[in-house]
């Protein structure tokens, strides 16, 4: 069994979960909807708090969706979310993307959102996803590309934030610019029938800017990422506080705008 070597950069601070629970099929997996059938069996890898998992289950009422994550407490939260929505066609388990405890050809769709960027060997994980996907099924992956993030107005402190985040993420064994690498990784994993697309998250209204800047300000000072940045010698707590203040200042600008681009793939098995 191959165990994950990379450290999950974000951790599960409330500011991180606030972002993760915002995610839905509509804003984070729309590229996959056309592949779903009412009776599909779906595996959602790195399900987090389960909001996308639950949406997928609602779209396949005669099928079944299995959500897995490495963090037991987050799996419990996802299970509770599905229960609150009254979804009886879900199940959840603790699992590692590198060594999925399912037989070959178990699922019609294998989905992973914002997972590969945090893995030490994303190609191996894609091979594992392919193994548990039935012939004719699809492996669907979507990841952000930090190096392509764009915002206005320009702020040197946000340039510093991005450079710092990428340095910390790579020191942890991940690849924050995963979006642009998905196609290469999938081809290395043996996929040949691949549809590559892209889509974005955009934060431009006052509420969106306040939400996005606020959660990153909190992550920068209070999350597992902040601790990793300090412990790894990448930044001091004082400098992190300065970056957080820069986030809040940017979020208060009336015409501020932020875009998060994603690569996304549908890989036919």
C-alpha atoms as a PDB file:
ATOM      1  CA  UNK A   1       0.000   0.000   0.000  1.00  0.00           C
ATOM      2  CA  UNK A   2       1.374   3.417  -0.948  1.00  0.00           C
ATOM      3  CA  UNK A   3       0.839   6.106   1.684  1.00  0.00           C
ATOM      4  CA  UNK A   4       0.566   9.823   0.974  1.00  0.00           C
ATOM      5  CA  UNK A   5       3.822  11.702   1.528  1.00  0.00           C
ATOM      6  CA  UNK A   6       2.548  15.253   1.043  1.00  0.00           C
ATOM      7  CA  UNK A   7       1.142  17.336   3.884  1.00  0.00           C
ATOM      8  CA  UNK A   8      -2.315  18.846   3.358  1.00  0.00           C
ATOM      9  CA  UNK A   9      -1.458  22.539   3.297  1.00  0.00           C
ATOM     10  CA  UNK A  10      -4.837  24.028   4.183  1.00  0.00           C
ATOM     11  CA  UNK A  11      -5.810  21.964   7.210  1.00  0.00           C
ATOM     12  CA  UNK A  12      -9.383  22.085   8.491  1.00  0.00           C
ATOM     13  CA  UNK A  13      -9.627  25.449  10.199  1.00  0.00           C
ATOM     14  CA  UNK A  14     -13.075  27.051  10.156  1.00  0.00           C
ATOM     15  CA  UNK A  15     -11.941  29.509   7.484  1.00  0.00           C
ATOM     16  CA  UNK A  16     -11.041  26.582   5.225  1.00  0.00           C
ATOM     17  CA  UNK A  17     -14.296  24.741   5.842  1.00  0.00           C
ATOM     18  CA  UNK A  18     -16.216  27.958   5.175  1.00  0.00           C
ATOM     19  CA  UNK A  19     -14.771  27.857   1.668  1.00  0.00           C
ATOM     20  CA  UNK A  20     -15.255  24.119   1.210  1.00  0.00           C
ATOM     21  CA  UNK A  21     -18.917  24.159   2.271  1.00  0.00           C
ATOM     22  CA  UNK A  22     -19.599  26.894  -0.300  1.00  0.00           C
ATOM     23  CA  UNK A  23     -18.731  24.475  -3.103  1.00  0.00           C
ATOM     24  CA  UNK A  24     -21.537  22.902  -5.100  1.00  0.00           C
ATOM     25  CA  UNK A  25     -21.871  20.939  -8.321  1.00  0.00           C
ATOM     26  CA  UNK A  26     -23.063  24.161  -9.976  1.00  0.00           C
ATOM     27  CA  UNK A  27     -19.983  26.215  -9.073  1.00  0.00           C
ATOM     28  CA  UNK A  28     -17.365  23.460  -8.901  1.00  0.00           C
ATOM     29  CA  UNK A  29     -18.353  20.462 -11.045  1.00  0.00           C
ATOM     30  CA  UNK A  30     -20.628  21.714 -13.803  1.00  0.00           C
ATOM     31  CA  UNK A  31     -18.335  20.131 -16.412  1.00  0.00           C
ATOM     32  CA  UNK A  32     -19.294  16.704 -15.065  1.00  0.00           C
ATOM     33  CA  UNK A  33     -23.101  17.011 -15.097  1.00  0.00           C
ATOM     34  CA  UNK A  34     -23.523  15.799 -18.690  1.00  0.00           C
ATOM     35  CA  UNK A  35     -21.842  12.503 -17.768  1.00  0.00           C
ATOM     36  CA  UNK A  36     -24.284  11.624 -14.996  1.00  0.00           C
ATOM     37  CA  UNK A  37     -27.123   9.140 -15.370  1.00  0.00           C
ATOM     38  CA  UNK A  38     -29.883   8.514 -12.790  1.00  0.00           C
ATOM     39  CA  UNK A  39     -28.482   5.116 -11.776  1.00  0.00           C
ATOM     40  CA  UNK A  40     -24.780   5.986 -11.759  1.00  0.00           C
ATOM     41  CA  UNK A  41     -22.401   4.784  -9.069  1.00  0.00           C
ATOM     42  CA  UNK A  42     -20.058   7.649  -8.171  1.00  0.00           C
ATOM     43  CA  UNK A  43     -16.931   7.848  -6.035  1.00  0.00           C
ATOM     44  CA  UNK A  44     -16.146  11.340  -4.702  1.00  0.00           C
ATOM     45  CA  UNK A  45     -12.504  11.430  -3.569  1.00  0.00           C
ATOM     46  CA  UNK A  46     -11.468  14.090  -1.075  1.00  0.00           C
ATOM     47  CA  UNK A  47     -15.110  14.805  -0.365  1.00  0.00           C
ATOM     48  CA  UNK A  48     -14.411  17.243   2.471  1.00  0.00           C
ATOM     49  CA  UNK A  49     -17.604  18.394   4.216  1.00  0.00           C
ATOM     50  CA  UNK A  50     -19.680  16.730   1.517  1.00  0.00           C
ATOM     51  CA  UNK A  51     -21.527  19.537  -0.221  1.00  0.00           C
ATOM     52  CA  UNK A  52     -20.506  18.433  -3.725  1.00  0.00           C
ATOM     53  CA  UNK A  53     -21.050  14.787  -2.735  1.00  0.00           C
ATOM     54  CA  UNK A  54     -24.610  15.544  -1.677  1.00  0.00           C
ATOM     55  CA  UNK A  55     -25.336  17.474  -4.868  1.00  0.00           C
ATOM     56  CA  UNK A  56     -24.079  14.530  -6.920  1.00  0.00           C
ATOM     57  CA  UNK A  57     -26.329  12.177  -4.962  1.00  0.00           C
ATOM     58  CA  UNK A  58     -29.352  14.374  -5.675  1.00  0.00           C
ATOM     59  CA  UNK A  59     -28.557  14.168  -9.399  1.00  0.00           C
ATOM     60  CA  UNK A  60     -28.426  10.346  -9.421  1.00  0.00           C
ATOM     61  CA  UNK A  61     -31.548   9.391  -7.424  1.00  0.00           C
ATOM     62  CA  UNK A  62     -31.417   5.758  -8.536  1.00  0.00           C
ATOM     63  CA  UNK A  63     -27.656   5.504  -8.118  1.00  0.00           C
ATOM     64  CA  UNK A  64     -25.258   5.740  -5.212  1.00  0.00           C
ATOM     65  CA  UNK A  65     -22.485   8.144  -4.244  1.00  0.00           C
ATOM     66  CA  UNK A  66     -19.581   7.173  -2.006  1.00  0.00           C
ATOM     67  CA  UNK A  67     -17.596  10.005  -0.475  1.00  0.00           C
ATOM     68  CA  UNK A  68     -14.111   9.397   0.902  1.00  0.00           C
ATOM     69  CA  UNK A  69     -11.589  11.610   2.668  1.00  0.00           C
ATOM     70  CA  UNK A  70      -8.426  11.043   4.706  1.00  0.00           C
ATOM     71  CA  UNK A  71      -9.714  12.990   7.726  1.00  0.00           C
ATOM     72  CA  UNK A  72     -12.162  11.006   9.895  1.00  0.00           C
ATOM     73  CA  UNK A  73     -13.784  14.082  11.464  1.00  0.00           C
ATOM     74  CA  UNK A  74     -14.417  15.590   8.043  1.00  0.00           C
ATOM     75  CA  UNK A  75     -15.974  12.311   6.875  1.00  0.00           C
ATOM     76  CA  UNK A  76     -18.313  12.517   9.871  1.00  0.00           C
ATOM     77  CA  UNK A  77     -19.263  16.048   8.870  1.00  0.00           C
ATOM     78  CA  UNK A  78     -19.972  14.971   5.286  1.00  0.00           C
ATOM     79  CA  UNK A  79     -22.112  12.092   6.526  1.00  0.00           C
ATOM     80  CA  UNK A  80     -24.108  14.482   8.710  1.00  0.00           C
ATOM     81  CA  UNK A  81     -24.617  16.890   5.808  1.00  0.00           C
ATOM     82  CA  UNK A  82     -26.050  14.143   3.595  1.00  0.00           C
ATOM     83  CA  UNK A  83     -28.322  13.052   6.429  1.00  0.00           C
ATOM     84  CA  UNK A  84     -29.565  16.625   6.927  1.00  0.00           C
ATOM     85  CA  UNK A  85     -30.468  16.772   3.238  1.00  0.00           C
ATOM     86  CA  UNK A  86     -32.365  13.502   3.489  1.00  0.00           C
ATOM     87  CA  UNK A  87     -30.196  11.689   0.965  1.00  0.00           C
ATOM     88  CA  UNK A  88     -30.406   7.929   1.390  1.00  0.00           C
ATOM     89  CA  UNK A  89     -28.155   7.047  -1.547  1.00  0.00           C
ATOM     90  CA  UNK A  90     -24.834   8.083   0.003  1.00  0.00           C
ATOM     91  CA  UNK A  91     -22.175   6.395   2.069  1.00  0.00           C
ATOM     92  CA  UNK A  92     -18.867   7.658   3.407  1.00  0.00           C
ATOM     93  CA  UNK A  93     -15.535   6.202   4.445  1.00  0.00           C
ATOM     94  CA  UNK A  94     -12.011   7.178   5.416  1.00  0.00           C
ATOM     95  CA  UNK A  95      -9.705   6.432   2.480  1.00  0.00           C
ATOM     96  CA  UNK A  96      -6.493   7.521   0.774  1.00  0.00           C
ATOM     97  CA  UNK A  97      -6.527   8.387  -2.928  1.00  0.00           C
ATOM     98  CA  UNK A  98      -3.277   6.461  -3.324  1.00  0.00           C
ATOM     99  CA  UNK A  99      -4.747   3.159  -2.133  1.00  0.00           C
ATOM    100  CA  UNK A 100      -8.503   3.025  -2.612  1.00  0.00           C
ATOM    101  CA  UNK A 101     -10.100   0.062  -0.849  1.00  0.00           C
ATOM    102  CA  UNK A 102     -12.482  -0.773  -3.677  1.00  0.00           C
ATOM    103  CA  UNK A 103     -12.323  -3.561  -6.264  1.00  0.00           C
ATOM    104  CA  UNK A 104     -11.471  -2.851  -9.890  1.00  0.00           C
ATOM    105  CA  UNK A 105     -14.301  -1.455 -12.057  1.00  0.00           C
ATOM    106  CA  UNK A 106     -16.469  -0.439  -9.072  1.00  0.00           C
ATOM    107  CA  UNK A 107     -17.766   2.956 -10.224  1.00  0.00           C
ATOM    108  CA  UNK A 108     -19.248   4.660 -13.271  1.00  0.00           C
ATOM    109  CA  UNK A 109     -17.759   8.022 -12.283  1.00  0.00           C
ATOM    110  CA  UNK A 110     -14.711   8.779 -10.137  1.00  0.00           C
ATOM    111  CA  UNK A 111     -14.542  12.444  -9.163  1.00  0.00           C
ATOM    112  CA  UNK A 112     -11.876  14.487  -7.360  1.00  0.00           C
ATOM    113  CA  UNK A 113     -12.154  18.231  -6.808  1.00  0.00           C
ATOM    114  CA  UNK A 114      -9.086  20.172  -5.610  1.00  0.00           C
ATOM    115  CA  UNK A 115      -7.322  16.954  -4.621  1.00  0.00           C
ATOM    116  CA  UNK A 116      -4.420  16.336  -6.994  1.00  0.00           C
ATOM    117  CA  UNK A 117      -2.699  19.615  -6.089  1.00  0.00           C
ATOM    118  CA  UNK A 118      -2.194  18.279  -2.563  1.00  0.00           C
ATOM    119  CA  UNK A 119      -0.700  14.890  -3.480  1.00  0.00           C
ATOM    120  CA  UNK A 120       2.933  13.905  -3.729  1.00  0.00           C
ATOM    121  CA  UNK A 121       2.294  11.623  -6.714  1.00  0.00           C
ATOM    122  CA  UNK A 122      -0.823  12.742  -8.601  1.00  0.00           C
ATOM    123  CA  UNK A 123      -0.086  10.395 -11.499  1.00  0.00           C
ATOM    124  CA  UNK A 124      -0.241   7.389  -9.196  1.00  0.00           C
ATOM    125  CA  UNK A 125      -3.530   8.661  -7.743  1.00  0.00           C
ATOM    126  CA  UNK A 126      -4.968   9.005 -11.252  1.00  0.00           C
ATOM    127  CA  UNK A 127      -3.964   5.410 -12.010  1.00  0.00           C
ATOM    128  CA  UNK A 128      -5.763   4.339  -8.862  1.00  0.00           C
ATOM    129  CA  UNK A 129      -8.859   6.305  -9.893  1.00  0.00           C
ATOM    130  CA  UNK A 130      -8.717   4.623 -13.279  1.00  0.00           C
ATOM    131  CA  UNK A 131      -8.471   1.197 -11.650  1.00  0.00           C
ATOM    132  CA  UNK A 132     -11.715   1.576  -9.721  1.00  0.00           C
ATOM    133  CA  UNK A 133     -13.600   3.094 -12.673  1.00  0.00           C
ATOM    134  CA  UNK A 134     -15.432   0.679 -14.954  1.00  0.00           C
ATOM    135  CA  UNK A 135     -14.645   0.508 -18.694  1.00  0.00           C
ATOM    136  CA  UNK A 136     -16.675   3.188 -20.410  1.00  0.00           C
ATOM    137  CA  UNK A 137     -16.846   5.227 -17.217  1.00  0.00           C
ATOM    138  CA  UNK A 138     -15.189   8.561 -16.578  1.00  0.00           C
ATOM    139  CA  UNK A 139     -12.598   9.952 -14.189  1.00  0.00           C
ATOM    140  CA  UNK A 140     -13.285  13.649 -13.556  1.00  0.00           C
ATOM    141  CA  UNK A 141     -10.730  15.949 -11.919  1.00  0.00           C
ATOM    142  CA  UNK A 142     -10.669  19.693 -11.346  1.00  0.00           C
ATOM    143  CA  UNK A 143      -7.902  21.738  -9.742  1.00  0.00           C
ATOM    144  CA  UNK A 144      -7.109  25.396  -9.309  1.00  0.00           C
ATOM    145  CA  UNK A 145      -3.967  26.966 -10.739  1.00  0.00           C
ATOM    146  CA  UNK A 146      -2.524  29.392  -8.208  1.00  0.00           C
ATOM    147  CA  UNK A 147       0.078  30.778 -10.564  1.00  0.00           C
ATOM    148  CA  UNK A 148      -2.711  31.966 -12.857  1.00  0.00           C
ATOM    149  CA  UNK A 149      -4.740  33.746 -10.152  1.00  0.00           C
ATOM    150  CA  UNK A 150      -5.545  37.296 -11.231  1.00  0.00           C
ATOM    151  CA  UNK A 151      -6.813  40.255  -9.230  1.00  0.00           C
ATOM    152  CA  UNK A 152      -7.392  43.989  -9.373  1.00  0.00           C
ATOM    153  CA  UNK A 153      -6.265  46.391  -8.082  1.00  0.00           C
ATOM    154  CA  UNK A 154      -2.681  45.254  -7.899  1.00  0.00           C
ATOM    155  CA  UNK A 155      -1.310  44.929  -4.412  1.00  0.00           C
ATOM    156  CA  UNK A 156       2.329  43.972  -3.734  1.00  0.00           C
ATOM    157  CA  UNK A 157       1.201  42.308  -0.498  1.00  0.00           C
ATOM    158  CA  UNK A 158      -0.989  39.898  -2.499  1.00  0.00           C
ATOM    159  CA  UNK A 159       1.951  39.111  -4.762  1.00  0.00           C
ATOM    160  CA  UNK A 160       3.845  38.282  -1.575  1.00  0.00           C
ATOM    161  CA  UNK A 161       0.927  36.151  -0.358  1.00  0.00           C
ATOM    162  CA  UNK A 162       0.882  34.127  -3.579  1.00  0.00           C
ATOM    163  CA  UNK A 163       4.632  33.556  -3.582  1.00  0.00           C
ATOM    164  CA  UNK A 164       4.482  32.489   0.043  1.00  0.00           C
ATOM    165  CA  UNK A 165       1.568  30.120  -0.466  1.00  0.00           C
ATOM    166  CA  UNK A 166       3.244  28.412  -3.427  1.00  0.00           C
ATOM    167  CA  UNK A 167       6.482  28.066  -1.459  1.00  0.00           C
ATOM    168  CA  UNK A 168       4.699  26.486   1.503  1.00  0.00           C
ATOM    169  CA  UNK A 169       2.591  24.172  -0.670  1.00  0.00           C
ATOM    170  CA  UNK A 170       5.618  22.878  -2.569  1.00  0.00           C
ATOM    171  CA  UNK A 171       7.581  22.408   0.633  1.00  0.00           C
ATOM    172  CA  UNK A 172       4.681  20.232   1.783  1.00  0.00           C
ATOM    173  CA  UNK A 173       5.049  18.061  -1.319  1.00  0.00           C
ATOM    174  CA  UNK A 174       2.128  19.411  -3.364  1.00  0.00           C
ATOM    175  CA  UNK A 175       1.833  21.364  -6.618  1.00  0.00           C
ATOM    176  CA  UNK A 176      -0.286  24.532  -6.347  1.00  0.00           C
ATOM    177  CA  UNK A 177      -0.184  25.145 -10.111  1.00  0.00           C
ATOM    178  CA  UNK A 178      -1.970  21.844 -10.674  1.00  0.00           C
ATOM    179  CA  UNK A 179      -4.601  23.116 -13.094  1.00  0.00           C
ATOM    180  CA  UNK A 180      -2.180  23.539 -15.992  1.00  0.00           C
ATOM    181  CA  UNK A 181      -0.620  20.127 -15.304  1.00  0.00           C
ATOM    182  CA  UNK A 182      -3.768  17.979 -15.244  1.00  0.00           C
ATOM    183  CA  UNK A 183      -3.624  16.978 -18.890  1.00  0.00           C
ATOM    184  CA  UNK A 184       0.037  15.966 -18.637  1.00  0.00           C
ATOM    185  CA  UNK A 185      -0.620  13.987 -15.466  1.00  0.00           C
ATOM    186  CA  UNK A 186      -3.592  12.186 -16.999  1.00  0.00           C
ATOM    187  CA  UNK A 187      -1.621  11.209 -20.092  1.00  0.00           C
ATOM    188  CA  UNK A 188       1.200   9.924 -17.884  1.00  0.00           C
ATOM    189  CA  UNK A 189      -1.400   7.850 -15.996  1.00  0.00           C
ATOM    190  CA  UNK A 190      -2.374   6.119 -19.236  1.00  0.00           C
ATOM    191  CA  UNK A 191      -5.532   7.979 -20.238  1.00  0.00           C
ATOM    192  CA  UNK A 192      -5.911   8.630 -23.960  1.00  0.00           C
ATOM    193  CA  UNK A 193      -9.538   9.774 -24.331  1.00  0.00           C
ATOM    194  CA  UNK A 194      -9.439  13.088 -22.476  1.00  0.00           C
ATOM    195  CA  UNK A 195     -11.590  16.200 -22.686  1.00  0.00           C
ATOM    196  CA  UNK A 196      -9.838  19.219 -21.155  1.00  0.00           C
ATOM    197  CA  UNK A 197     -11.717  22.405 -20.242  1.00  0.00           C
ATOM    198  CA  UNK A 198     -11.407  25.305 -17.863  1.00  0.00           C
ATOM    199  CA  UNK A 199     -13.720  27.357 -15.682  1.00  0.00           C
ATOM    200  CA  UNK A 200     -13.334  30.060 -13.055  1.00  0.00           C
ATOM    201  CA  UNK A 201     -14.492  31.314  -9.719  1.00  0.00           C
ATOM    202  CA  UNK A 202     -14.909  35.095  -9.758  1.00  0.00           C
ATOM    203  CA  UNK A 203     -15.333  37.329  -6.712  1.00  0.00           C
ATOM    204  CA  UNK A 204     -16.499  40.806  -7.650  1.00  0.00           C
ATOM    205  CA  UNK A 205     -19.526  41.859  -5.580  1.00  0.00           C
ATOM    206  CA  UNK A 206     -19.049  43.490  -2.160  1.00  0.00           C
ATOM    207  CA  UNK A 207     -20.245  40.350  -0.382  1.00  0.00           C
ATOM    208  CA  UNK A 208     -18.048  38.071  -2.499  1.00  0.00           C
ATOM    209  CA  UNK A 209     -14.968  40.231  -1.939  1.00  0.00           C
ATOM    210  CA  UNK A 210     -15.575  40.415   1.787  1.00  0.00           C
ATOM    211  CA  UNK A 211     -16.038  36.645   1.989  1.00  0.00           C
ATOM    212  CA  UNK A 212     -12.978  35.761  -0.101  1.00  0.00           C
ATOM    213  CA  UNK A 213     -10.619  38.294   1.453  1.00  0.00           C
ATOM    214  CA  UNK A 214     -11.865  37.514   4.945  1.00  0.00           C
ATOM    215  CA  UNK A 215     -11.328  33.790   4.710  1.00  0.00           C
ATOM    216  CA  UNK A 216      -7.820  34.222   3.302  1.00  0.00           C
ATOM    217  CA  UNK A 217      -6.986  36.755   5.990  1.00  0.00           C
ATOM    218  CA  UNK A 218      -8.019  34.175   8.592  1.00  0.00           C
ATOM    219  CA  UNK A 219      -6.176  31.325   6.878  1.00  0.00           C
ATOM    220  CA  UNK A 220      -3.033  33.420   6.760  1.00  0.00           C
ATOM    221  CA  UNK A 221      -2.949  33.897  10.535  1.00  0.00           C
ATOM    222  CA  UNK A 222      -4.983  31.111  12.163  1.00  0.00           C
ATOM    223  CA  UNK A 223      -5.079  27.968  10.014  1.00  0.00           C
ATOM    224  CA  UNK A 224      -2.862  24.948   9.622  1.00  0.00           C
ATOM    225  CA  UNK A 225      -1.336  26.726   6.623  1.00  0.00           C
ATOM    226  CA  UNK A 226      -0.231  29.592   8.879  1.00  0.00           C
ATOM    227  CA  UNK A 227       1.428  27.180  11.302  1.00  0.00           C
ATOM    228  CA  UNK A 228       3.199  25.375   8.469  1.00  0.00           C
ATOM    229  CA  UNK A 229       4.436  28.694   7.093  1.00  0.00           C
ATOM    230  CA  UNK A 230       5.959  29.662  10.443  1.00  0.00           C
ATOM    231  CA  UNK A 231       7.271  26.217  11.397  1.00  0.00           C
ATOM    232  CA  UNK A 232       8.861  25.810   7.968  1.00  0.00           C
ATOM    233  CA  UNK A 233      10.693  29.117   8.262  1.00  0.00           C
ATOM    234  CA  UNK A 234       8.826  30.632   5.322  1.00  0.00           C
ATOM    235  CA  UNK A 235       7.382  33.607   7.221  1.00  0.00           C
ATOM    236  CA  UNK A 236       7.106  35.085  10.691  1.00  0.00           C
ATOM    237  CA  UNK A 237       3.817  35.471  12.524  1.00  0.00           C
ATOM    238  CA  UNK A 238       4.262  39.238  12.238  1.00  0.00           C
ATOM    239  CA  UNK A 239       4.636  39.055   8.474  1.00  0.00           C
ATOM    240  CA  UNK A 240       1.581  36.816   8.199  1.00  0.00           C
ATOM    241  CA  UNK A 241      -0.395  39.430  10.125  1.00  0.00           C
ATOM    242  CA  UNK A 242       0.741  42.040   7.611  1.00  0.00           C
ATOM    243  CA  UNK A 243      -0.380  39.876   4.699  1.00  0.00           C
ATOM    244  CA  UNK A 244      -3.748  39.308   6.374  1.00  0.00           C
ATOM    245  CA  UNK A 245      -4.184  43.061   6.770  1.00  0.00           C
ATOM    246  CA  UNK A 246      -3.384  43.448   3.074  1.00  0.00           C
ATOM    247  CA  UNK A 247      -6.122  40.961   2.216  1.00  0.00           C
ATOM    248  CA  UNK A 248      -8.681  42.941   4.228  1.00  0.00           C
ATOM    249  CA  UNK A 249      -7.580  46.226   2.660  1.00  0.00           C
ATOM    250  CA  UNK A 250      -7.946  44.736  -0.823  1.00  0.00           C
ATOM    251  CA  UNK A 251     -11.404  43.367   0.025  1.00  0.00           C
ATOM    252  CA  UNK A 252     -12.603  46.840   0.998  1.00  0.00           C
ATOM    253  CA  UNK A 253     -11.859  48.352  -2.447  1.00  0.00           C
ATOM    254  CA  UNK A 254     -15.122  49.077  -4.291  1.00  0.00           C
ATOM    255  CA  UNK A 255     -13.958  47.888  -7.714  1.00  0.00           C
ATOM    256  CA  UNK A 256     -11.784  44.984  -6.591  1.00  0.00           C
ATOM    257  CA  UNK A 257     -12.029  41.738  -8.588  1.00  0.00           C
ATOM    258  CA  UNK A 258     -10.445  38.305  -8.138  1.00  0.00           C
ATOM    259  CA  UNK A 259     -10.455  35.312 -10.466  1.00  0.00           C
ATOM    260  CA  UNK A 260      -9.501  31.710  -9.640  1.00  0.00           C
ATOM    261  CA  UNK A 261      -8.939  29.662 -12.826  1.00  0.00           C
ATOM    262  CA  UNK A 262      -9.276  25.875 -12.843  1.00  0.00           C
ATOM    263  CA  UNK A 263      -8.211  23.117 -15.149  1.00  0.00           C
ATOM    264  CA  UNK A 264     -10.719  20.282 -15.459  1.00  0.00           C
ATOM    265  CA  UNK A 265     -10.623  16.916 -17.216  1.00  0.00           C
ATOM    266  CA  UNK A 266     -13.052  14.205 -18.228  1.00  0.00           C
ATOM    267  CA  UNK A 267     -10.958  11.065 -18.764  1.00  0.00           C
ATOM    268  CA  UNK A 268     -12.764   8.180 -20.459  1.00  0.00           C
ATOM    269  CA  UNK A 269     -11.714   4.767 -19.224  1.00  0.00           C
END
